[in-house]
Amino acid sequence: MPVGPPKAAGSRPIPRSSAVDLQRLTHMANQIARNLAAQGEAQAIDLTMQHLRDFWDPRMKAAILAGDRAGLNPIARAAVEKLQALLG
C-alpha cells in the first residue's frame, strides 16, 4: 500500500497543508452552492449544508467553520452557518 498524501478523484496528490486552505475551501463551497442554486434558495442551502456535512473531511469542516466567511456567496454562507448550528 503506497504511503503519502491522500489523492483526489483525479489521482493528483493533495498536500495536507492545502486540504484546509480557507481560500480553496471557500471556492469549493461556492461552487457547490452555485451548482445547487437552481433548486431554489432554501433547498440549495439545505443541500449545500448536507454536502459539506456528508462529504467534507473533518479538517475541512473545522477550517470553514472557524474561518472568515466574507468570501462565501449567500447560499454557501447560510449553509456554513446552518452546519455550525447543527454541529454545535
PDB file of N, CA and C in Angstrom:
ATOM      1  N   MET A   1       0.857  -1.175   0.000  1.00  0.00           N
ATOM      2  CA  MET A   1       0.000   0.000   0.000  1.00  0.00           C
ATOM      3  C   MET A   1       0.901   1.236   0.000  1.00  0.00           C
ATOM      4  N   PRO A   2       0.691   2.162  -0.959  1.00  0.00           N
ATOM      5  CA  PRO A   2       1.535   3.353  -1.027  1.00  0.00           C
ATOM      6  C   PRO A   2       1.306   4.276   0.164  1.00  0.00           C
ATOM      7  N   VAL A   3       2.379   4.910   0.569  1.00  0.00           N
ATOM      8  CA  VAL A   3       2.311   5.866   1.664  1.00  0.00           C
ATOM      9  C   VAL A   3       2.529   7.251   1.083  1.00  0.00           C
ATOM     10  N   GLY A   4       1.783   8.233   1.525  1.00  0.00           N
ATOM     11  CA  GLY A   4       1.931   9.598   1.039  1.00  0.00           C
ATOM     12  C   GLY A   4       0.652  10.363   1.250  1.00  0.00           C
ATOM     13  N   PRO A   5       0.607  11.550   0.694  1.00  0.00           N
ATOM     14  CA  PRO A   5      -0.587  12.367   0.868  1.00  0.00           C
ATOM     15  C   PRO A   5      -1.796  11.726   0.194  1.00  0.00           C
ATOM     16  N   PRO A   6      -3.006  12.044   0.672  1.00  0.00           N
ATOM     17  CA  PRO A   6      -4.206  11.488   0.061  1.00  0.00           C
ATOM     18  C   PRO A   6      -4.320  11.938  -1.396  1.00  0.00           C
ATOM     19  N   LYS A   7      -5.034  11.164  -2.194  1.00  0.00           N
ATOM     20  CA  LYS A   7      -5.192  11.502  -3.608  1.00  0.00           C
ATOM     21  C   LYS A   7      -6.622  11.941  -3.870  1.00  0.00           C
ATOM     22  N   ALA A   8      -6.762  12.911  -4.759  1.00  0.00           N
ATOM     23  CA  ALA A   8      -8.071  13.404  -5.173  1.00  0.00           C
ATOM     24  C   ALA A   8      -8.629  12.467  -6.236  1.00  0.00           C
ATOM     25  N   ALA A   9      -9.858  12.745  -6.669  1.00  0.00           N
ATOM     26  CA  ALA A   9     -10.506  11.927  -7.684  1.00  0.00           C
ATOM     27  C   ALA A   9      -9.658  11.825  -8.942  1.00  0.00           C
ATOM     28  N   GLY A  10      -8.944  12.874  -9.315  1.00  0.00           N
ATOM     29  CA  GLY A  10      -8.093  12.880 -10.487  1.00  0.00           C
ATOM     30  C   GLY A  10      -6.735  12.274 -10.226  1.00  0.00           C
ATOM     31  N   SER A  11      -6.549  11.609  -9.099  1.00  0.00           N
ATOM     32  CA  SER A  11      -5.315  10.938  -8.706  1.00  0.00           C
ATOM     33  C   SER A  11      -4.136  11.875  -8.490  1.00  0.00           C
ATOM     34  N   ARG A  12      -4.371  13.156  -8.340  1.00  0.00           N
ATOM     35  CA  ARG A  12      -3.289  14.079  -8.002  1.00  0.00           C
ATOM     36  C   ARG A  12      -3.167  14.124  -6.492  1.00  0.00           C
ATOM     37  N   PRO A  13      -1.950  14.086  -5.961  1.00  0.00           N
ATOM     38  CA  PRO A  13      -1.787  14.171  -4.505  1.00  0.00           C
ATOM     39  C   PRO A  13      -2.295  15.510  -3.980  1.00  0.00           C
ATOM     40  N   ILE A  14      -2.910  15.481  -2.820  1.00  0.00           N
ATOM     41  CA  ILE A  14      -3.365  16.702  -2.158  1.00  0.00           C
ATOM     42  C   ILE A  14      -2.451  16.920  -0.966  1.00  0.00           C
ATOM     43  N   PRO A  15      -1.586  17.930  -1.014  1.00  0.00           N
ATOM     44  CA  PRO A  15      -0.745  18.195   0.154  1.00  0.00           C
ATOM     45  C   PRO A  15      -1.619  18.503   1.361  1.00  0.00           C
ATOM     46  N   ARG A  16      -1.243  17.984   2.501  1.00  0.00           N
ATOM     47  CA  ARG A  16      -2.050  18.171   3.709  1.00  0.00           C
ATOM     48  C   ARG A  16      -2.275  19.644   4.045  1.00  0.00           C
ATOM     49  N   SER A  17      -1.286  20.502   3.828  1.00  0.00           N
ATOM     50  CA  SER A  17      -1.439  21.909   4.176  1.00  0.00           C
ATOM     51  C   SER A  17      -2.523  22.571   3.339  1.00  0.00           C
ATOM     52  N   SER A  18      -2.724  22.140   2.094  1.00  0.00           N
ATOM     53  CA  SER A  18      -3.736  22.776   1.267  1.00  0.00           C
ATOM     54  C   SER A  18      -5.124  22.204   1.518  1.00  0.00           C
ATOM     55  N   ALA A  19      -5.206  21.041   2.204  1.00  0.00           N
ATOM     56  CA  ALA A  19      -6.502  20.432   2.455  1.00  0.00           C
ATOM     57  C   ALA A  19      -7.377  21.330   3.320  1.00  0.00           C
ATOM     58  N   VAL A  20      -6.776  22.182   4.109  1.00  0.00           N
ATOM     59  CA  VAL A  20      -7.559  23.075   4.950  1.00  0.00           C
ATOM     60  C   VAL A  20      -7.311  24.538   4.597  1.00  0.00           C
ATOM     61  N   ASP A  21      -6.866  24.807   3.387  1.00  0.00           N
ATOM     62  CA  ASP A  21      -6.643  26.179   2.942  1.00  0.00           C
ATOM     63  C   ASP A  21      -7.995  26.866   2.774  1.00  0.00           C
ATOM     64  N   LEU A  22      -8.237  27.905   3.556  1.00  0.00           N
ATOM     65  CA  LEU A  22      -9.544  28.551   3.588  1.00  0.00           C
ATOM     66  C   LEU A  22      -9.968  29.109   2.242  1.00  0.00           C
ATOM     67  N   GLN A  23      -9.053  29.681   1.484  1.00  0.00           N
ATOM     68  CA  GLN A  23      -9.412  30.233   0.182  1.00  0.00           C
ATOM     69  C   GLN A  23      -9.925  29.125  -0.747  1.00  0.00           C
ATOM     70  N   ARG A  24      -9.268  27.996  -0.742  1.00  0.00           N
ATOM     71  CA  ARG A  24      -9.691  26.866  -1.579  1.00  0.00           C
ATOM     72  C   ARG A  24     -11.023  26.305  -1.093  1.00  0.00           C
ATOM     73  N   LEU A  25     -11.193  26.199   0.210  1.00  0.00           N
ATOM     74  CA  LEU A  25     -12.447  25.692   0.754  1.00  0.00           C
ATOM     75  C   LEU A  25     -13.603  26.634   0.432  1.00  0.00           C
ATOM     76  N   THR A  26     -13.350  27.923   0.499  1.00  0.00           N
ATOM     77  CA  THR A  26     -14.366  28.918   0.153  1.00  0.00           C
ATOM     78  C   THR A  26     -14.775  28.747  -1.304  1.00  0.00           C
ATOM     79  N   HIS A  27     -13.793  28.602  -2.175  1.00  0.00           N
ATOM     80  CA  HIS A  27     -14.068  28.392  -3.596  1.00  0.00           C
ATOM     81  C   HIS A  27     -14.918  27.134  -3.801  1.00  0.00           C
ATOM     82  N   MET A  28     -14.543  26.055  -3.134  1.00  0.00           N
ATOM     83  CA  MET A  28     -15.279  24.790  -3.268  1.00  0.00           C
ATOM     84  C   MET A  28     -16.720  24.927  -2.761  1.00  0.00           C
ATOM     85  N   ALA A  29     -16.912  25.554  -1.621  1.00  0.00           N
ATOM     86  CA  ALA A  29     -18.261  25.739  -1.071  1.00  0.00           C
ATOM     87  C   ALA A  29     -19.105  26.591  -2.004  1.00  0.00           C
ATOM     88  N   ASN A  30     -18.508  27.625  -2.577  1.00  0.00           N
ATOM     89  CA  ASN A  30     -19.231  28.475  -3.524  1.00  0.00           C
ATOM     90  C   ASN A  30     -19.629  27.695  -4.773  1.00  0.00           C
ATOM     91  N   GLN A  31     -18.749  26.822  -5.261  1.00  0.00           N
ATOM     92  CA  GLN A  31     -19.080  26.000  -6.427  1.00  0.00           C
ATOM     93  C   GLN A  31     -20.267  25.082  -6.128  1.00  0.00           C
ATOM     94  N   ILE A  32     -20.241  24.444  -4.986  1.00  0.00           N
ATOM     95  CA  ILE A  32     -21.338  23.560  -4.595  1.00  0.00           C
ATOM     96  C   ILE A  32     -22.639  24.353  -4.534  1.00  0.00           C
ATOM     97  N   ALA A  33     -22.594  25.505  -3.888  1.00  0.00           N
ATOM     98  CA  ALA A  33     -23.791  26.343  -3.751  1.00  0.00           C
ATOM     99  C   ALA A  33     -24.303  26.802  -5.117  1.00  0.00           C
ATOM    100  N   ARG A  34     -23.396  27.210  -6.002  1.00  0.00           N
ATOM    101  CA  ARG A  34     -23.813  27.649  -7.351  1.00  0.00           C
ATOM    102  C   ARG A  34     -24.479  26.500  -8.112  1.00  0.00           C
ATOM    103  N   ASN A  35     -23.923  25.308  -7.991  1.00  0.00           N
ATOM    104  CA  ASN A  35     -24.498  24.162  -8.692  1.00  0.00           C
ATOM    105  C   ASN A  35     -25.887  23.799  -8.180  1.00  0.00           C
ATOM    106  N   LEU A  36     -26.164  24.105  -6.950  1.00  0.00           N
ATOM    107  CA  LEU A  36     -27.452  23.758  -6.349  1.00  0.00           C
ATOM    108  C   LEU A  36     -28.447  24.914  -6.345  1.00  0.00           C
ATOM    109  N   ALA A  37     -28.036  26.097  -6.761  1.00  0.00           N
ATOM    110  CA  ALA A  37     -28.884  27.294  -6.705  1.00  0.00           C
ATOM    111  C   ALA A  37     -30.184  27.136  -7.489  1.00  0.00           C
ATOM    112  N   ALA A  38     -30.172  26.358  -8.561  1.00  0.00           N
ATOM    113  CA  ALA A  38     -31.384  26.170  -9.375  1.00  0.00           C
ATOM    114  C   ALA A  38     -32.489  25.461  -8.603  1.00  0.00           C
ATOM    115  N   GLN A  39     -32.152  24.833  -7.484  1.00  0.00           N
ATOM    116  CA  GLN A  39     -33.143  24.137  -6.660  1.00  0.00           C
ATOM    117  C   GLN A  39     -34.008  25.109  -5.851  1.00  0.00           C
ATOM    118  N   GLY A  40     -33.651  26.383  -5.867  1.00  0.00           N
ATOM    119  CA  GLY A  40     -34.309  27.377  -5.022  1.00  0.00           C
ATOM    120  C   GLY A  40     -33.438  27.621  -3.800  1.00  0.00           C
ATOM    121  N   GLU A  41     -33.492  28.837  -3.276  1.00  0.00           N
ATOM    122  CA  GLU A  41     -32.560  29.229  -2.218  1.00  0.00           C
ATOM    123  C   GLU A  41     -32.613  28.329  -0.991  1.00  0.00           C
ATOM    124  N   ALA A  42     -33.795  28.087  -0.451  1.00  0.00           N
ATOM    125  CA  ALA A  42     -33.906  27.294   0.783  1.00  0.00           C
ATOM    126  C   ALA A  42     -33.377  25.878   0.583  1.00  0.00           C
ATOM    127  N   GLN A  43     -33.752  25.247  -0.520  1.00  0.00           N
ATOM    128  CA  GLN A  43     -33.287  23.881  -0.771  1.00  0.00           C
ATOM    129  C   GLN A  43     -31.791  23.868  -1.070  1.00  0.00           C
ATOM    130  N   ALA A  44     -31.304  24.870  -1.792  1.00  0.00           N
ATOM    131  CA  ALA A  44     -29.871  24.945  -2.098  1.00  0.00           C
ATOM    132  C   ALA A  44     -29.053  25.064  -0.814  1.00  0.00           C
ATOM    133  N   ILE A  45     -29.532  25.846   0.132  1.00  0.00           N
ATOM    134  CA  ILE A  45     -28.844  25.978   1.426  1.00  0.00           C
ATOM    135  C   ILE A  45     -28.806  24.625   2.132  1.00  0.00           C
ATOM    136  N   ASP A  46     -29.952  23.949   2.187  1.00  0.00           N
ATOM    137  CA  ASP A  46     -30.015  22.641   2.857  1.00  0.00           C
ATOM    138  C   ASP A  46     -29.112  21.617   2.171  1.00  0.00           C
ATOM    139  N   LEU A  47     -29.150  21.577   0.843  1.00  0.00           N
ATOM    140  CA  LEU A  47     -28.356  20.596   0.101  1.00  0.00           C
ATOM    141  C   LEU A  47     -26.859  20.895   0.186  1.00  0.00           C
ATOM    142  N   THR A  48     -26.508  22.179   0.185  1.00  0.00           N
ATOM    143  CA  THR A  48     -25.099  22.549   0.332  1.00  0.00           C
ATOM    144  C   THR A  48     -24.603  22.155   1.715  1.00  0.00           C
ATOM    145  N   MET A  49     -25.387  22.451   2.730  1.00  0.00           N
ATOM    146  CA  MET A  49     -25.019  22.069   4.096  1.00  0.00           C
ATOM    147  C   MET A  49     -24.885  20.551   4.211  1.00  0.00           C
ATOM    148  N   GLN A  50     -25.814  19.823   3.614  1.00  0.00           N
ATOM    149  CA  GLN A  50     -25.769  18.366   3.663  1.00  0.00           C
ATOM    150  C   GLN A  50     -24.514  17.841   2.967  1.00  0.00           C
ATOM    151  N   HIS A  51     -24.151  18.441   1.842  1.00  0.00           N
ATOM    152  CA  HIS A  51     -22.943  18.025   1.131  1.00  0.00           C
ATOM    153  C   HIS A  51     -21.699  18.252   2.001  1.00  0.00           C
ATOM    154  N   LEU A  52     -21.610  19.430   2.603  1.00  0.00           N
ATOM    155  CA  LEU A  52     -20.466  19.725   3.468  1.00  0.00           C
ATOM    156  C   LEU A  52     -20.411  18.734   4.632  1.00  0.00           C
ATOM    157  N   ARG A  53     -21.534  18.480   5.233  1.00  0.00           N
ATOM    158  CA  ARG A  53     -21.597  17.562   6.383  1.00  0.00           C
ATOM    159  C   ARG A  53     -21.216  16.140   5.990  1.00  0.00           C
ATOM    160  N   ASP A  54     -21.727  15.676   4.861  1.00  0.00           N
ATOM    161  CA  ASP A  54     -21.557  14.281   4.474  1.00  0.00           C
ATOM    162  C   ASP A  54     -20.225  13.965   3.787  1.00  0.00           C
ATOM    163  N   PHE A  55     -19.680  14.916   3.034  1.00  0.00           N
ATOM    164  CA  PHE A  55     -18.548  14.603   2.176  1.00  0.00           C
ATOM    165  C   PHE A  55     -17.247  15.312   2.522  1.00  0.00           C
ATOM    166  N   TRP A  56     -17.293  16.360   3.310  1.00  0.00           N
ATOM    167  CA  TRP A  56     -16.056  17.059   3.645  1.00  0.00           C
ATOM    168  C   TRP A  56     -15.376  16.384   4.829  1.00  0.00           C
ATOM    169  N   ASP A  57     -14.070  16.308   4.725  1.00  0.00           N
ATOM    170  CA  ASP A  57     -13.217  15.792   5.787  1.00  0.00           C
ATOM    171  C   ASP A  57     -13.412  16.646   7.050  1.00  0.00           C
ATOM    172  N   PRO A  58     -13.313  16.068   8.243  1.00  0.00           N
ATOM    173  CA  PRO A  58     -13.476  16.862   9.465  1.00  0.00           C
ATOM    174  C   PRO A  58     -12.556  18.084   9.533  1.00  0.00           C
ATOM    175  N   ARG A  59     -11.333  17.971   8.989  1.00  0.00           N
ATOM    176  CA  ARG A  59     -10.421  19.127   8.990  1.00  0.00           C
ATOM    177  C   ARG A  59     -10.953  20.242   8.098  1.00  0.00           C
ATOM    178  N   MET A  60     -11.544  19.861   6.987  1.00  0.00           N
ATOM    179  CA  MET A  60     -12.108  20.850   6.071  1.00  0.00           C
ATOM    180  C   MET A  60     -13.287  21.567   6.727  1.00  0.00           C
ATOM    181  N   LYS A  61     -14.161  20.784   7.364  1.00  0.00           N
ATOM    182  CA  LYS A  61     -15.309  21.384   8.049  1.00  0.00           C
ATOM    183  C   LYS A  61     -14.847  22.323   9.157  1.00  0.00           C
ATOM    184  N   ALA A  62     -13.881  21.886   9.939  1.00  0.00           N
ATOM    185  CA  ALA A  62     -13.376  22.721  11.033  1.00  0.00           C
ATOM    186  C   ALA A  62     -12.804  24.027  10.498  1.00  0.00           C
ATOM    187  N   ALA A  63     -12.085  23.959   9.394  1.00  0.00           N
ATOM    188  CA  ALA A  63     -11.464  25.160   8.834  1.00  0.00           C
ATOM    189  C   ALA A  63     -12.503  26.137   8.302  1.00  0.00           C
ATOM    190  N   ILE A  64     -13.512  25.648   7.590  1.00  0.00           N
ATOM    191  CA  ILE A  64     -14.528  26.558   7.032  1.00  0.00           C
ATOM    192  C   ILE A  64     -15.385  27.139   8.159  1.00  0.00           C
ATOM    193  N   LEU A  65     -15.627  26.364   9.205  1.00  0.00           N
ATOM    194  CA  LEU A  65     -16.422  26.869  10.329  1.00  0.00           C
ATOM    195  C   LEU A  65     -15.663  27.923  11.125  1.00  0.00           C
ATOM    196  N   ALA A  66     -14.354  27.777  11.222  1.00  0.00           N
ATOM    197  CA  ALA A  66     -13.543  28.706  12.016  1.00  0.00           C
ATOM    198  C   ALA A  66     -13.096  29.919  11.210  1.00  0.00           C
ATOM    199  N   GLY A  67     -13.190  29.840   9.890  1.00  0.00           N
ATOM    200  CA  GLY A  67     -12.628  30.884   9.040  1.00  0.00           C
ATOM    201  C   GLY A  67     -13.551  32.059   8.782  1.00  0.00           C
ATOM    202  N   ASP A  68     -12.995  33.044   8.097  1.00  0.00           N
ATOM    203  CA  ASP A  68     -13.735  34.233   7.670  1.00  0.00           C
ATOM    204  C   ASP A  68     -14.697  33.836   6.563  1.00  0.00           C
ATOM    205  N   ARG A  69     -15.933  34.223   6.672  1.00  0.00           N
ATOM    206  CA  ARG A  69     -16.962  33.832   5.705  1.00  0.00           C
ATOM    207  C   ARG A  69     -17.251  34.901   4.670  1.00  0.00           C
ATOM    208  N   ALA A  70     -16.441  35.956   4.658  1.00  0.00           N
ATOM    209  CA  ALA A  70     -16.685  37.086   3.755  1.00  0.00           C
ATOM    210  C   ALA A  70     -16.682  36.675   2.287  1.00  0.00           C
ATOM    211  N   GLY A  71     -15.889  35.678   1.906  1.00  0.00           N
ATOM    212  CA  GLY A  71     -15.796  35.267   0.509  1.00  0.00           C
ATOM    213  C   GLY A  71     -16.874  34.298   0.068  1.00  0.00           C
ATOM    214  N   LEU A  72     -17.679  33.833   0.997  1.00  0.00           N
ATOM    215  CA  LEU A  72     -18.736  32.884   0.647  1.00  0.00           C
ATOM    216  C   LEU A  72     -19.921  33.611   0.017  1.00  0.00           C
ATOM    217  N   ASN A  73     -20.511  32.988  -1.000  1.00  0.00           N
ATOM    218  CA  ASN A  73     -21.733  33.569  -1.562  1.00  0.00           C
ATOM    219  C   ASN A  73     -22.865  33.339  -0.559  1.00  0.00           C
ATOM    220  N   PRO A  74     -24.007  34.022  -0.728  1.00  0.00           N
ATOM    221  CA  PRO A  74     -25.059  33.942   0.296  1.00  0.00           C
ATOM    222  C   PRO A  74     -25.548  32.522   0.603  1.00  0.00           C
ATOM    223  N   ILE A  75     -25.662  31.675  -0.404  1.00  0.00           N
ATOM    224  CA  ILE A  75     -26.127  30.304  -0.164  1.00  0.00           C
ATOM    225  C   ILE A  75     -25.074  29.525   0.615  1.00  0.00           C
ATOM    226  N   ALA A  76     -23.835  29.619   0.200  1.00  0.00           N
ATOM    227  CA  ALA A  76     -22.763  28.911   0.896  1.00  0.00           C
ATOM    228  C   ALA A  76     -22.618  29.419   2.322  1.00  0.00           C
ATOM    229  N   ARG A  77     -22.717  30.733   2.517  1.00  0.00           N
ATOM    230  CA  ARG A  77     -22.597  31.296   3.868  1.00  0.00           C
ATOM    231  C   ARG A  77     -23.711  30.765   4.764  1.00  0.00           C
ATOM    232  N   ALA A  78     -24.944  30.766   4.251  1.00  0.00           N
ATOM    233  CA  ALA A  78     -26.066  30.258   5.041  1.00  0.00           C
ATOM    234  C   ALA A  78     -25.896  28.768   5.339  1.00  0.00           C
ATOM    235  N   ALA A  79     -25.354  28.016   4.382  1.00  0.00           N
ATOM    236  CA  ALA A  79     -25.121  26.585   4.592  1.00  0.00           C
ATOM    237  C   ALA A  79     -24.076  26.354   5.678  1.00  0.00           C
ATOM    238  N   VAL A  80     -23.015  27.140   5.664  1.00  0.00           N
ATOM    239  CA  VAL A  80     -21.970  27.015   6.681  1.00  0.00           C
ATOM    240  C   VAL A  80     -22.528  27.385   8.053  1.00  0.00           C
ATOM    241  N   GLU A  81     -23.338  28.426   8.105  1.00  0.00           N
ATOM    242  CA  GLU A  81     -23.957  28.823   9.379  1.00  0.00           C
ATOM    243  C   GLU A  81     -24.895  27.727   9.892  1.00  0.00           C
ATOM    244  N   LYS A  82     -25.624  27.122   8.976  1.00  0.00           N
ATOM    245  CA  LYS A  82     -26.533  26.035   9.356  1.00  0.00           C
ATOM    246  C   LYS A  82     -25.735  24.814   9.837  1.00  0.00           C
ATOM    247  N   LEU A  83     -24.618  24.530   9.165  1.00  0.00           N
ATOM    248  CA  LEU A  83     -23.763  23.429   9.583  1.00  0.00           C
ATOM    249  C   LEU A  83     -23.199  23.699  10.983  1.00  0.00           C
ATOM    250  N   GLN A  84     -22.799  24.930  11.226  1.00  0.00           N
ATOM    251  CA  GLN A  84     -22.267  25.275  12.545  1.00  0.00           C
ATOM    252  C   GLN A  84     -23.323  25.073  13.622  1.00  0.00           C
ATOM    253  N   ALA A  85     -24.546  25.498  13.339  1.00  0.00           N
ATOM    254  CA  ALA A  85     -25.633  25.308  14.307  1.00  0.00           C
ATOM    255  C   ALA A  85     -25.899  23.830  14.549  1.00  0.00           C
ATOM    256  N   LEU A  86     -25.818  23.031  13.489  1.00  0.00           N
ATOM    257  CA  LEU A  86     -26.059  21.586  13.608  1.00  0.00           C
ATOM    258  C   LEU A  86     -24.968  20.893  14.420  1.00  0.00           C
ATOM    259  N   LEU A  87     -23.717  21.262  14.155  1.00  0.00           N
ATOM    260  CA  LEU A  87     -22.601  20.606  14.827  1.00  0.00           C
ATOM    261  C   LEU A  87     -22.298  21.186  16.202  1.00  0.00           C
ATOM    262  N   GLY A  88     -22.855  22.371  16.447  1.00  0.00           N
ATOM    263  CA  GLY A  88     -22.666  22.991  17.757  1.00  0.00           C
ATOM    264  C   GLY A  88     -21.451  23.751  17.822  1.00  0.00           C
TER     265      GLY A  88
END
